[in-house]
C-alpha atoms as a PDB file:
ATOM      1  CA  MET A   1       0.000   0.000   0.000  1.00  0.00           C
ATOM      2  CA  ASN A   2       1.443   3.378  -1.013  1.00  0.00           C
ATOM      3  CA  TYR A   3       1.069   6.617   0.934  1.00  0.00           C
ATOM      4  CA  ARG A   4      -1.915   7.853  -1.084  1.00  0.00           C
ATOM      5  CA  GLU A   5      -3.812   4.636  -0.447  1.00  0.00           C
ATOM      6  CA  SER A   6      -3.037   4.671   3.265  1.00  0.00           C
ATOM      7  CA  GLU A   7      -4.169   8.299   3.562  1.00  0.00           C
ATOM      8  CA  ARG A   8      -7.427   7.470   1.790  1.00  0.00           C
ATOM      9  CA  GLU A   9      -8.089   4.735   4.314  1.00  0.00           C
ATOM     10  CA  LYS A  10      -7.227   7.063   7.173  1.00  0.00           C
ATOM     11  CA  VAL A  11      -9.537   9.923   6.145  1.00  0.00           C
ATOM     12  CA  ILE A  12     -12.418   7.559   5.406  1.00  0.00           C
ATOM     13  CA  LYS A  13     -11.964   6.066   8.880  1.00  0.00           C
ATOM     14  CA  ILE A  14     -12.151   9.437  10.664  1.00  0.00           C
ATOM     15  CA  ARG A  15     -14.493  11.127   8.159  1.00  0.00           C
ATOM     16  CA  ASP A  16     -17.899  10.803   9.853  1.00  0.00           C
ATOM     17  CA  ASP A  17     -16.816  11.911  13.330  1.00  0.00           C
ATOM     18  CA  PHE A  18     -14.047  14.347  12.408  1.00  0.00           C
ATOM     19  CA  PHE A  19     -15.845  16.166   9.586  1.00  0.00           C
ATOM     20  CA  ASN A  20     -19.451  15.322  10.480  1.00  0.00           C
ATOM     21  CA  ASP A  21     -19.963  14.430   6.832  1.00  0.00           C
ATOM     22  CA  PRO A  22     -20.847  11.028   5.294  1.00  0.00           C
ATOM     23  CA  GLY A  23     -18.616  11.430   2.233  1.00  0.00           C
ATOM     24  CA  GLY A  24     -19.698  10.318  -1.192  1.00  0.00           C
ATOM     25  CA  GLY A  25     -19.201  13.801  -2.614  1.00  0.00           C
ATOM     26  CA  LYS A  26     -18.516  14.410  -6.281  1.00  0.00           C
ATOM     27  CA  PHE A  27     -15.058  14.873  -7.765  1.00  0.00           C
ATOM     28  CA  GLN A  28     -14.677  15.218 -11.541  1.00  0.00           C
ATOM     29  CA  GLN A  29     -18.170  13.858 -12.164  1.00  0.00           C
ATOM     30  CA  LYS A  30     -17.755  10.798  -9.913  1.00  0.00           C
ATOM     31  CA  ASN A  31     -18.679  10.166  -6.280  1.00  0.00           C
ATOM     32  CA  TYR A  32     -16.038   8.974  -3.822  1.00  0.00           C
ATOM     33  CA  PRO A  33     -16.023   8.110  -0.110  1.00  0.00           C
ATOM     34  CA  PHE A  34     -12.993  10.396   0.427  1.00  0.00           C
ATOM     35  CA  VAL A  35     -14.812  13.456  -0.958  1.00  0.00           C
ATOM     36  CA  LEU A  36     -17.041  15.480   1.385  1.00  0.00           C
ATOM     37  CA  GLN A  37     -20.575  16.390   0.408  1.00  0.00           C
ATOM     38  CA  ASN A  38     -20.180  19.744   2.171  1.00  0.00           C
ATOM     39  CA  SER A  39     -16.862  20.814   0.666  1.00  0.00           C
ATOM     40  CA  GLU A  40     -16.394  23.801   2.995  1.00  0.00           C
ATOM     41  CA  LYS A  41     -15.894  21.372   5.883  1.00  0.00           C
ATOM     42  CA  ASN A  42     -12.596  20.460   4.232  1.00  0.00           C
ATOM     43  CA  LEU A  43     -11.168  23.671   5.709  1.00  0.00           C
ATOM     44  CA  TRP A  44     -10.334  24.132   9.397  1.00  0.00           C
ATOM     45  CA  GLU A  45     -13.361  25.744  10.992  1.00  0.00           C
ATOM     46  CA  ARG A  46     -11.514  28.608  12.693  1.00  0.00           C
ATOM     47  CA  MET A  47     -10.243  30.099   9.445  1.00  0.00           C
ATOM     48  CA  ARG A  48     -12.749  28.623   6.973  1.00  0.00           C
ATOM     49  CA  ASN A  49     -14.732  31.780   6.188  1.00  0.00           C
ATOM     50  CA  ASP A  50     -11.625  33.969   5.979  1.00  0.00           C
ATOM     51  CA  ALA A  51      -9.923  31.575   3.551  1.00  0.00           C
ATOM     52  CA  ILE A  52     -12.996  31.346   1.319  1.00  0.00           C
ATOM     53  CA  THR A  53     -13.301  35.140   1.299  1.00  0.00           C
ATOM     54  CA  TYR A  54      -9.589  35.543   0.528  1.00  0.00           C
ATOM     55  CA  PHE A  55      -9.837  33.267  -2.503  1.00  0.00           C
ATOM     56  CA  LYS A  56     -12.990  35.013  -3.725  1.00  0.00           C
ATOM     57  CA  ASP A  57     -11.670  38.557  -3.260  1.00  0.00           C
ATOM     58  CA  ASN A  58      -8.430  37.749  -5.073  1.00  0.00           C
ATOM     59  CA  LYS A  59     -10.084  35.694  -7.829  1.00  0.00           C
ATOM     60  CA  ILE A  60      -8.034  32.632  -6.937  1.00  0.00           C
ATOM     61  CA  VAL A  61      -9.053  29.316  -8.449  1.00  0.00           C
ATOM     62  CA  TRP A  62      -9.589  26.335  -6.170  1.00  0.00           C
ATOM     63  CA  TRP A  63      -8.123  23.006  -7.347  1.00  0.00           C
ATOM     64  CA  PRO A  64      -8.918  21.461  -9.788  1.00  0.00           C
ATOM     65  CA  GLY A  65     -10.357  24.590 -11.472  1.00  0.00           C
ATOM     66  CA  SER A  66     -13.356  25.731  -9.458  1.00  0.00           C
ATOM     67  CA  SER A  67     -14.698  28.811  -7.722  1.00  0.00           C
ATOM     68  CA  GLU A  68     -15.500  26.640  -4.692  1.00  0.00           C
ATOM     69  CA  VAL A  69     -13.207  24.748  -2.330  1.00  0.00           C
ATOM     70  CA  SER A  70     -12.754  21.079  -3.176  1.00  0.00           C
ATOM     71  CA  GLY A  71     -14.273  18.469  -0.910  1.00  0.00           C
ATOM     72  CA  HIS A  72     -11.443  16.038  -1.802  1.00  0.00           C
ATOM     73  CA  LEU A  73      -9.844  15.129   1.513  1.00  0.00           C
ATOM     74  CA  LEU A  74      -6.431  14.522  -0.094  1.00  0.00           C
ATOM     75  CA  SER A  75      -6.202  17.923  -1.784  1.00  0.00           C
ATOM     76  CA  SER A  76      -2.711  19.363  -1.309  1.00  0.00           C
ATOM     77  CA  GLN A  77      -4.086  22.882  -1.839  1.00  0.00           C
ATOM     78  CA  VAL A  78      -6.529  22.401   1.034  1.00  0.00           C
ATOM     79  CA  SER A  79      -3.734  20.895   3.123  1.00  0.00           C
ATOM     80  CA  CYS A  80      -1.589  23.972   2.474  1.00  0.00           C
ATOM     81  CA  ILE A  81      -4.411  26.308   3.500  1.00  0.00           C
ATOM     82  CA  ASN A  82      -5.174  24.303   6.638  1.00  0.00           C
ATOM     83  CA  HIS A  83      -1.533  24.370   7.711  1.00  0.00           C
ATOM     84  CA  LEU A  84      -0.603  27.938   6.833  1.00  0.00           C
ATOM     85  CA  PHE A  85      -3.566  30.273   6.364  1.00  0.00           C
ATOM     86  CA  PHE A  86      -3.551  31.323  10.024  1.00  0.00           C
ATOM     87  CA  LEU A  87      -0.211  33.053   9.373  1.00  0.00           C
ATOM     88  CA  ARG A  88      -1.772  35.728   7.166  1.00  0.00           C
ATOM     89  CA  HIS A  89      -2.426  38.085  10.055  1.00  0.00           C
ATOM     90  CA  ASP A  90      -0.279  36.567  12.799  1.00  0.00           C
ATOM     91  CA  LYS A  91       3.014  38.416  12.572  1.00  0.00           C
ATOM     92  CA  GLU A  92       4.602  36.669  15.542  1.00  0.00           C
ATOM     93  CA  ALA A  93       3.876  33.172  14.240  1.00  0.00           C
ATOM     94  CA  ALA A  94       4.852  34.115  10.678  1.00  0.00           C
ATOM     95  CA  LEU A  95       8.280  35.287  11.839  1.00  0.00           C
ATOM     96  CA  LYS A  96       8.796  32.080  13.817  1.00  0.00           C
ATOM     97  CA  VAL A  97       8.003  30.041  10.703  1.00  0.00           C
ATOM     98  CA  LEU A  98      10.445  32.138   8.662  1.00  0.00           C
ATOM     99  CA  LYS A  99      13.129  31.530  11.290  1.00  0.00           C
ATOM    100  CA  GLY A 100      12.491  27.823  10.802  1.00  0.00           C
ATOM    101  CA  PHE A 101      13.533  28.296   7.186  1.00  0.00           C
ATOM    102  CA  ASN A 102      16.529  30.429   8.124  1.00  0.00           C
ATOM    103  CA  PRO A 103      17.321  31.564  11.714  1.00  0.00           C
ATOM    104  CA  ASP A 104      18.805  34.797  10.331  1.00  0.00           C
ATOM    105  CA  PHE A 105      15.376  36.208   9.496  1.00  0.00           C
ATOM    106  CA  LYS A 106      14.656  39.162  11.789  1.00  0.00           C
ATOM    107  CA  GLU A 107      11.465  40.566  10.264  1.00  0.00           C
ATOM    108  CA  VAL A 108       8.475  39.362   8.244  1.00  0.00           C
ATOM    109  CA  CYS A 109       6.996  41.663   5.590  1.00  0.00           C
ATOM    110  CA  ARG A 110       3.470  42.156   4.303  1.00  0.00           C
ATOM    111  CA  ASP A 111       2.693  41.098   0.759  1.00  0.00           C
ATOM    112  CA  PHE A 112       0.496  42.385  -2.084  1.00  0.00           C
ATOM    113  CA  ASP A 113      -2.592  41.028  -0.293  1.00  0.00           C
ATOM    114  CA  ASP A 114      -1.670  42.866   2.936  1.00  0.00           C
ATOM    115  CA  GLY A 115      -0.857  39.685   4.832  1.00  0.00           C
ATOM    116  CA  TYR A 116       2.258  37.892   6.048  1.00  0.00           C
ATOM    117  CA  ILE A 117       1.708  34.973   3.679  1.00  0.00           C
ATOM    118  CA  GLY A 118       0.017  34.762   0.275  1.00  0.00           C
ATOM    119  CA  PHE A 119      -1.443  31.796  -1.584  1.00  0.00           C
ATOM    120  CA  GLU A 120      -1.431  30.801  -5.258  1.00  0.00           C
ATOM    121  CA  VAL A 121       0.939  33.701  -5.838  1.00  0.00           C
ATOM    122  CA  VAL A 122       1.720  34.847  -9.375  1.00  0.00           C
ATOM    123  CA  SER A 123       4.076  37.512 -10.621  1.00  0.00           C
ATOM    124  CA  LYS A 124       2.959  40.974 -11.721  1.00  0.00           C
ATOM    125  CA  GLY A 125       4.154  40.278 -15.247  1.00  0.00           C
ATOM    126  CA  SER A 126       4.016  37.109 -17.350  1.00  0.00           C
ATOM    127  CA  TYR A 127       7.794  36.695 -17.242  1.00  0.00           C
ATOM    128  CA  LEU A 128       7.602  33.090 -18.445  1.00  0.00           C
ATOM    129  CA  GLY A 129       5.455  33.914 -21.461  1.00  0.00           C
ATOM    130  CA  GLU A 130       2.535  31.789 -20.282  1.00  0.00           C
ATOM    131  CA  VAL A 131      -0.130  34.477 -20.722  1.00  0.00           C
ATOM    132  CA  PRO A 132      -0.354  37.185 -23.424  1.00  0.00           C
ATOM    133  CA  ASP A 133       0.810  40.586 -22.221  1.00  0.00           C
ATOM    134  CA  ASP A 134      -2.653  42.095 -22.654  1.00  0.00           C
ATOM    135  CA  LYS A 135      -4.329  39.490 -20.427  1.00  0.00           C
ATOM    136  CA  PRO A 136      -4.158  39.084 -16.630  1.00  0.00           C
ATOM    137  CA  GLN A 137      -2.789  35.947 -15.024  1.00  0.00           C
ATOM    138  CA  THR A 138      -5.248  33.820 -13.068  1.00  0.00           C
ATOM    139  CA  ARG A 139      -3.992  32.767  -9.678  1.00  0.00           C
ATOM    140  CA  GLY A 140      -4.118  28.994  -9.421  1.00  0.00           C
ATOM    141  CA  ALA A 141      -4.807  28.241 -13.093  1.00  0.00           C
ATOM    142  CA  ASN A 142      -3.127  28.354 -16.515  1.00  0.00           C
ATOM    143  CA  CYS A 143       0.119  29.919 -15.340  1.00  0.00           C
ATOM    144  CA  THR A 144       2.879  29.183 -12.863  1.00  0.00           C
ATOM    145  CA  SER A 145       1.577  29.865  -9.361  1.00  0.00           C
ATOM    146  CA  VAL A 146       3.347  29.377  -6.048  1.00  0.00           C
ATOM    147  CA  ASP A 147       1.296  27.525  -3.436  1.00  0.00           C
ATOM    148  CA  ALA A 148       2.373  29.956  -0.733  1.00  0.00           C
ATOM    149  CA  MET A 149       4.904  32.745  -0.432  1.00  0.00           C
ATOM    150  CA  MET A 150       6.367  34.774   2.429  1.00  0.00           C
ATOM    151  CA  THR A 151       8.811  37.659   2.427  1.00  0.00           C
ATOM    152  CA  GLY A 152      11.244  38.499   5.180  1.00  0.00           C
ATOM    153  CA  ILE A 153      14.344  40.518   6.011  1.00  0.00           C
ATOM    154  CA  LEU A 154      17.596  38.929   7.157  1.00  0.00           C
ATOM    155  CA  GLN A 155      20.033  40.306   9.735  1.00  0.00           C
ATOM    156  CA  SER A 156      22.084  41.486   6.763  1.00  0.00           C
ATOM    157  CA  GLU A 157      19.071  43.653   5.705  1.00  0.00           C
ATOM    158  CA  ARG A 158      18.602  41.591   2.534  1.00  0.00           C
ATOM    159  CA  LYS A 159      14.960  41.037   1.651  1.00  0.00           C
ATOM    160  CA  ILE A 160      14.142  37.444   0.717  1.00  0.00           C
ATOM    161  CA  GLN A 161      11.111  35.921  -1.001  1.00  0.00           C
ATOM    162  CA  VAL A 162      10.349  32.429   0.299  1.00  0.00           C
ATOM    163  CA  LEU A 163       8.473  30.249  -2.183  1.00  0.00           C
ATOM    164  CA  ILE A 164       6.616  27.288  -0.654  1.00  0.00           C
ATOM    165  CA  GLU A 165       5.489  24.343  -2.767  1.00  0.00           C
ATOM    166  CA  TRP A 166       3.073  22.115  -0.864  1.00  0.00           C
ATOM    167  CA  LYS A 167       2.749  18.390  -1.474  1.00  0.00           C
ATOM    168  CA  TYR A 168       0.526  15.806   0.167  1.00  0.00           C
ATOM    169  CA  THR A 169      -0.169  12.453  -1.508  1.00  0.00           C
ATOM    170  CA  GLU A 170       1.246  13.321  -4.936  1.00  0.00           C
ATOM    171  CA  LEU A 171       3.073  10.658  -6.892  1.00  0.00           C
ATOM    172  CA  TYR A 172       4.176  10.979 -10.511  1.00  0.00           C
ATOM    173  CA  ASN A 173       4.735   8.688 -13.467  1.00  0.00           C
ATOM    174  CA  LYS A 174       7.570   8.921 -15.969  1.00  0.00           C
ATOM    175  CA  ASN A 175       5.660  10.690 -18.745  1.00  0.00           C
ATOM    176  CA  CYS A 176       7.732  13.322 -20.510  1.00  0.00           C
ATOM    177  CA  LEU A 177       5.845  16.595 -20.969  1.00  0.00           C
ATOM    178  CA  ALA A 178       8.229  17.693 -23.735  1.00  0.00           C
ATOM    179  CA  GLU A 179       6.609  15.424 -26.316  1.00  0.00           C
ATOM    180  CA  GLY A 180       4.115  16.270 -29.072  1.00  0.00           C
ATOM    181  CA  ASN A 181       2.626  19.667 -29.877  1.00  0.00           C
ATOM    182  CA  PRO A 182       1.950  20.561 -26.219  1.00  0.00           C
ATOM    183  CA  GLY A 183       5.565  19.697 -25.456  1.00  0.00           C
ATOM    184  CA  ALA A 184       6.803  21.903 -28.289  1.00  0.00           C
ATOM    185  CA  THR A 185       4.816  24.809 -26.845  1.00  0.00           C
ATOM    186  CA  ARG A 186       6.267  24.212 -23.394  1.00  0.00           C
ATOM    187  CA  LYS A 187       9.829  24.075 -24.706  1.00  0.00           C
ATOM    188  CA  SER A 188       9.326  27.283 -26.686  1.00  0.00           C
ATOM    189  CA  ARG A 189       8.363  29.008 -23.438  1.00  0.00           C
ATOM    190  CA  TYR A 190      11.004  27.709 -21.082  1.00  0.00           C
ATOM    191  CA  ASN A 191      14.086  26.352 -22.883  1.00  0.00           C
ATOM    192  CA  HIS A 192      15.520  29.754 -23.736  1.00  0.00           C
ATOM    193  CA  LEU A 193      15.125  30.768 -20.081  1.00  0.00           C
ATOM    194  CA  ILE A 194      16.785  27.578 -18.854  1.00  0.00           C
ATOM    195  CA  LYS A 195      19.715  28.230 -21.218  1.00  0.00           C
ATOM    196  CA  ASP A 196      20.001  31.954 -20.414  1.00  0.00           C
ATOM    197  CA  VAL A 197      23.468  32.875 -19.153  1.00  0.00           C
ATOM    198  CA  ASP A 198      21.908  34.283 -15.974  1.00  0.00           C
ATOM    199  CA  SER A 199      19.533  31.363 -15.436  1.00  0.00           C
ATOM    200  CA  PRO A 200      19.631  29.775 -11.965  1.00  0.00           C
ATOM    201  CA  LEU A 201      19.576  26.350 -13.672  1.00  0.00           C
ATOM    202  CA  PHE A 202      22.341  24.235 -15.167  1.00  0.00           C
ATOM    203  CA  CYS A 203      21.631  23.024 -18.693  1.00  0.00           C
ATOM    204  CA  SER A 204      24.542  20.659 -19.280  1.00  0.00           C
ATOM    205  CA  GLY A 205      22.394  17.645 -20.152  1.00  0.00           C
ATOM    206  CA  ASP A 206      19.221  16.887 -22.089  1.00  0.00           C
ATOM    207  CA  LEU A 207      16.747  19.669 -21.343  1.00  0.00           C
ATOM    208  CA  ASP A 208      13.877  17.213 -21.684  1.00  0.00           C
ATOM    209  CA  ASN A 209      14.738  16.053 -18.165  1.00  0.00           C
ATOM    210  CA  PHE A 210      13.151  19.259 -16.897  1.00  0.00           C
ATOM    211  CA  TYR A 211       9.818  18.137 -18.364  1.00  0.00           C
ATOM    212  CA  TYR A 212       9.105  15.265 -15.977  1.00  0.00           C
ATOM    213  CA  GLU A 213       6.972  16.018 -12.945  1.00  0.00           C
ATOM    214  CA  PRO A 214       7.637  17.087 -10.243  1.00  0.00           C
ATOM    215  CA  PHE A 215      10.740  18.667 -11.790  1.00  0.00           C
ATOM    216  CA  TYR A 216       8.692  20.412 -14.454  1.00  0.00           C
ATOM    217  CA  GLN A 217       6.917  22.310 -11.712  1.00  0.00           C
ATOM    218  CA  LEU A 218      10.147  22.996  -9.813  1.00  0.00           C
ATOM    219  CA  MET A 219      11.750  24.273 -13.012  1.00  0.00           C
ATOM    220  CA  ARG A 220       8.932  26.751 -13.657  1.00  0.00           C
ATOM    221  CA  GLN A 221       8.852  27.999 -10.086  1.00  0.00           C
ATOM    222  CA  THR A 222      12.626  28.413 -10.062  1.00  0.00           C
ATOM    223  CA  LEU A 223      12.502  30.448 -13.261  1.00  0.00           C
ATOM    224  CA  LEU A 224       9.622  32.489 -11.853  1.00  0.00           C
ATOM    225  CA  ALA A 225      11.536  33.243  -8.640  1.00  0.00           C
ATOM    226  CA  TRP A 226      14.559  34.356 -10.668  1.00  0.00           C
ATOM    227  CA  LYS A 227      12.465  36.625 -12.882  1.00  0.00           C
ATOM    228  CA  MET A 228      10.586  38.127  -9.934  1.00  0.00           C
ATOM    229  CA  ILE A 229      13.884  39.128  -8.354  1.00  0.00           C
ATOM    230  CA  GLU A 230      15.157  40.415 -11.701  1.00  0.00           C
ATOM    231  CA  ASN A 231      11.997  42.573 -11.927  1.00  0.00           C
ATOM    232  CA  ASN A 232      11.876  43.251  -8.198  1.00  0.00           C
ATOM    233  CA  ILE A 233      10.744  46.876  -8.525  1.00  0.00           C
ATOM    234  CA  LYS A 234       7.470  45.621 -10.023  1.00  0.00           C
ATOM    235  CA  GLU A 235       7.246  42.863  -7.429  1.00  0.00           C
ATOM    236  CA  LEU A 236       8.006  42.958  -3.688  1.00  0.00           C
ATOM    237  CA  ASN A 237      11.431  44.559  -4.143  1.00  0.00           C
ATOM    238  CA  ALA A 238      13.254  41.523  -2.741  1.00  0.00           C
ATOM    239  CA  ASP A 239      16.972  40.909  -3.159  1.00  0.00           C
ATOM    240  CA  ASP A 240      16.899  37.140  -3.434  1.00  0.00           C
ATOM    241  CA  TRP A 241      14.749  34.023  -3.050  1.00  0.00           C
ATOM    242  CA  LEU A 242      14.534  30.661  -1.326  1.00  0.00           C
ATOM    243  CA  HIS A 243      12.454  27.695  -2.468  1.00  0.00           C
ATOM    244  CA  PHE A 244      11.020  25.020  -0.154  1.00  0.00           C
ATOM    245  CA  ASP A 245       9.187  21.805  -0.966  1.00  0.00           C
ATOM    246  CA  VAL A 246       6.931  20.704   1.881  1.00  0.00           C
ATOM    247  CA  ILE A 247       6.560  16.922   1.623  1.00  0.00           C
ATOM    248  CA  PRO A 248       5.205  14.503   4.251  1.00  0.00           C
ATOM    249  CA  GLU A 249       7.886  12.215   5.646  1.00  0.00           C
ATOM    250  CA  LYS A 250       5.896   9.094   4.724  1.00  0.00           C
ATOM    251  CA  ASN A 251       5.359   9.989   1.059  1.00  0.00           C
ATOM    252  CA  LEU A 252       8.296   7.863   0.002  1.00  0.00           C
ATOM    253  CA  ASN A 253       7.205   7.634  -3.633  1.00  0.00           C
ATOM    254  CA  LEU A 254       7.527  11.382  -4.062  1.00  0.00           C
ATOM    255  CA  ARG A 255      10.683  11.676  -2.001  1.00  0.00           C
ATOM    256  CA  TYR A 256      12.684   8.865  -3.585  1.00  0.00           C
ATOM    257  CA  GLN A 257      11.351   7.913  -7.021  1.00  0.00           C
ATOM    258  CA  ILE A 258      13.151  10.146  -9.519  1.00  0.00           C
ATOM    259  CA  THR A 259      11.140  10.371 -12.741  1.00  0.00           C
ATOM    260  CA  ALA A 260      13.663  12.266 -14.894  1.00  0.00           C
ATOM    261  CA  PRO A 261      16.077   9.660 -16.355  1.00  0.00           C
ATOM    262  CA  GLY A 262      19.012  12.054 -16.551  1.00  0.00           C
ATOM    263  CA  PHE A 263      18.819  13.348 -12.983  1.00  0.00           C
ATOM    264  CA  LEU A 264      20.637  11.927  -9.969  1.00  0.00           C
ATOM    265  CA  GLN A 265      18.672   8.834  -8.953  1.00  0.00           C
ATOM    266  CA  SER A 266      18.681   9.409  -5.205  1.00  0.00           C
ATOM    267  CA  ASP A 267      16.009  11.619  -3.654  1.00  0.00           C
ATOM    268  CA  ILE A 268      14.067  14.645  -4.873  1.00  0.00           C
ATOM    269  CA  GLU A 269      16.107  17.146  -2.834  1.00  0.00           C
ATOM    270  CA  SER A 270      19.508  15.871  -3.988  1.00  0.00           C
ATOM    271  CA  ALA A 271      18.310  15.454  -7.571  1.00  0.00           C
ATOM    272  CA  TRP A 272      17.036  19.014  -7.835  1.00  0.00           C
ATOM    273  CA  LYS A 273      19.978  20.575  -6.021  1.00  0.00           C
ATOM    274  CA  THR A 274      22.270  19.193  -8.733  1.00  0.00           C
ATOM    275  CA  GLN A 275      20.303  21.239 -11.289  1.00  0.00           C
ATOM    276  CA  LEU A 276      20.789  24.539  -9.451  1.00  0.00           C
ATOM    277  CA  LYS A 277      23.754  26.863  -9.744  1.00  0.00           C
ATOM    278  CA  ASP A 278      23.101  27.723  -6.085  1.00  0.00           C
ATOM    279  CA  PRO A 279      21.824  24.484  -4.514  1.00  0.00           C
ATOM    280  CA  GLN A 280      21.300  26.113  -1.103  1.00  0.00           C
ATOM    281  CA  LYS A 281      18.276  27.933  -2.497  1.00  0.00           C
ATOM    282  CA  TYR A 282      16.198  24.729  -2.486  1.00  0.00           C
ATOM    283  CA  ASN A 283      15.321  22.446   0.422  1.00  0.00           C
ATOM    284  CA  VAL A 284      12.736  19.832   1.346  1.00  0.00           C
ATOM    285  CA  ILE A 285      10.977  20.114   4.704  1.00  0.00           C
ATOM    286  CA  THR A 286       8.143  18.242   6.424  1.00  0.00           C
ATOM    287  CA  PRO A 287       4.929  19.971   7.576  1.00  0.00           C
ATOM    288  CA  GLN A 288       5.782  19.157  11.206  1.00  0.00           C
ATOM    289  CA  LYS A 289       9.230  20.717  10.970  1.00  0.00           C
ATOM    290  CA  LEU A 290       7.748  23.777   9.289  1.00  0.00           C
ATOM    291  CA  LEU A 291       5.498  24.446  12.291  1.00  0.00           C
ATOM    292  CA  ASN A 292       7.847  23.037  14.923  1.00  0.00           C
ATOM    293  CA  ALA A 293       8.384  26.408  16.644  1.00  0.00           C
ATOM    294  CA  LEU A 294       4.669  26.619  17.505  1.00  0.00           C
ATOM    295  CA  PHE A 295       4.210  23.147  19.001  1.00  0.00           C
ATOM    296  CA  CYS A 296       4.639  24.152  22.641  1.00  0.00           C
ATOM    297  CA  GLU A 297       2.560  27.323  22.546  1.00  0.00           C
ATOM    298  CA  SER A 298      -0.955  27.070  23.978  1.00  0.00           C
ATOM    299  CA  LYS A 299      -2.209  29.658  21.465  1.00  0.00           C
ATOM    300  CA  TYR A 300      -1.818  27.123  18.651  1.00  0.00           C
ATOM    301  CA  CYS A 301      -2.800  23.980  20.557  1.00  0.00           C
ATOM    302  CA  THR A 302      -6.159  23.555  18.804  1.00  0.00           C
ATOM    303  CA  LEU A 303      -4.613  23.936  15.341  1.00  0.00           C
ATOM    304  CA  ILE A 304      -1.787  21.509  16.086  1.00  0.00           C
ATOM    305  CA  GLN A 305      -4.279  18.944  17.406  1.00  0.00           C
ATOM    306  CA  TYR A 306      -6.382  19.331  14.234  1.00  0.00           C
ATOM    307  CA  LEU A 307      -3.373  18.903  11.951  1.00  0.00           C
ATOM    308  CA  ASN A 308      -2.011  15.986  13.968  1.00  0.00           C
ATOM    309  CA  THR A 309      -5.302  14.070  13.844  1.00  0.00           C
ATOM    310  CA  ARG A 310      -5.985  14.781  10.209  1.00  0.00           C
ATOM    311  CA  TYR A 311      -2.600  14.818   8.504  1.00  0.00           C
ATOM    312  CA  TRP A 312       0.259  13.717  10.722  1.00  0.00           C
END
């Protein structure tokens, strides 16, 4: 049994009592026991209304392409919101989380949405050529979005954007997204950026290796981070960036099965670091380690209990 299957069994087991919902909700035109009928119950009650309002006000698309939150209990987007949304207006907690990424952070900054963390973040310009210049980018759909992003200031006074990619039960096959007409379109968008002299990526091997998930997503987010810093006056005026993959410890398929044939066949962190000119910019972290600084504080006891029962 893989991690996805075990998590399905777990959420079905706790579903009726924990969510007060019988399941059997619809997902992509089919009904499943691990999908809630009342999809809003998929969000932690104490921030549910605020999260729904935030997505609506900012025209953010819920996975997998809806104006309403998914009832799918294994949604990584919902998992990200449940773990991190409380940080939006909690400056003290947000700074503690940033210090978990790098202890040299001394200050957390507000973002474009006037919070200390943003979700499904896109750049101000379509730097990757994914959307025509005369059309706006849609957060969460049809362009490279970052699951969550924070911005902080180090002791050195350098301002750093922290990109957070959130994973839950994801596992990927070895399909190459560089093939066919769709693949040709993708390569026309990204290959020249990968090969740019200032690119943060090495391009010593076959570039098609960048078109296997999850590396395809990491490649696009890395290029986006680079371009946001290059155009920092239009963005959050940051000096540099860090990129974190949040992956559950038990999702061994995602952590250790390397889909790209030309990448180091070890683990996702080591494999991706070898593709970066500055490998220290990317790290993998677990959800528990991300929130570790808040575990012993009574203020967050209810949240930690919720996350522990549901996810950990």
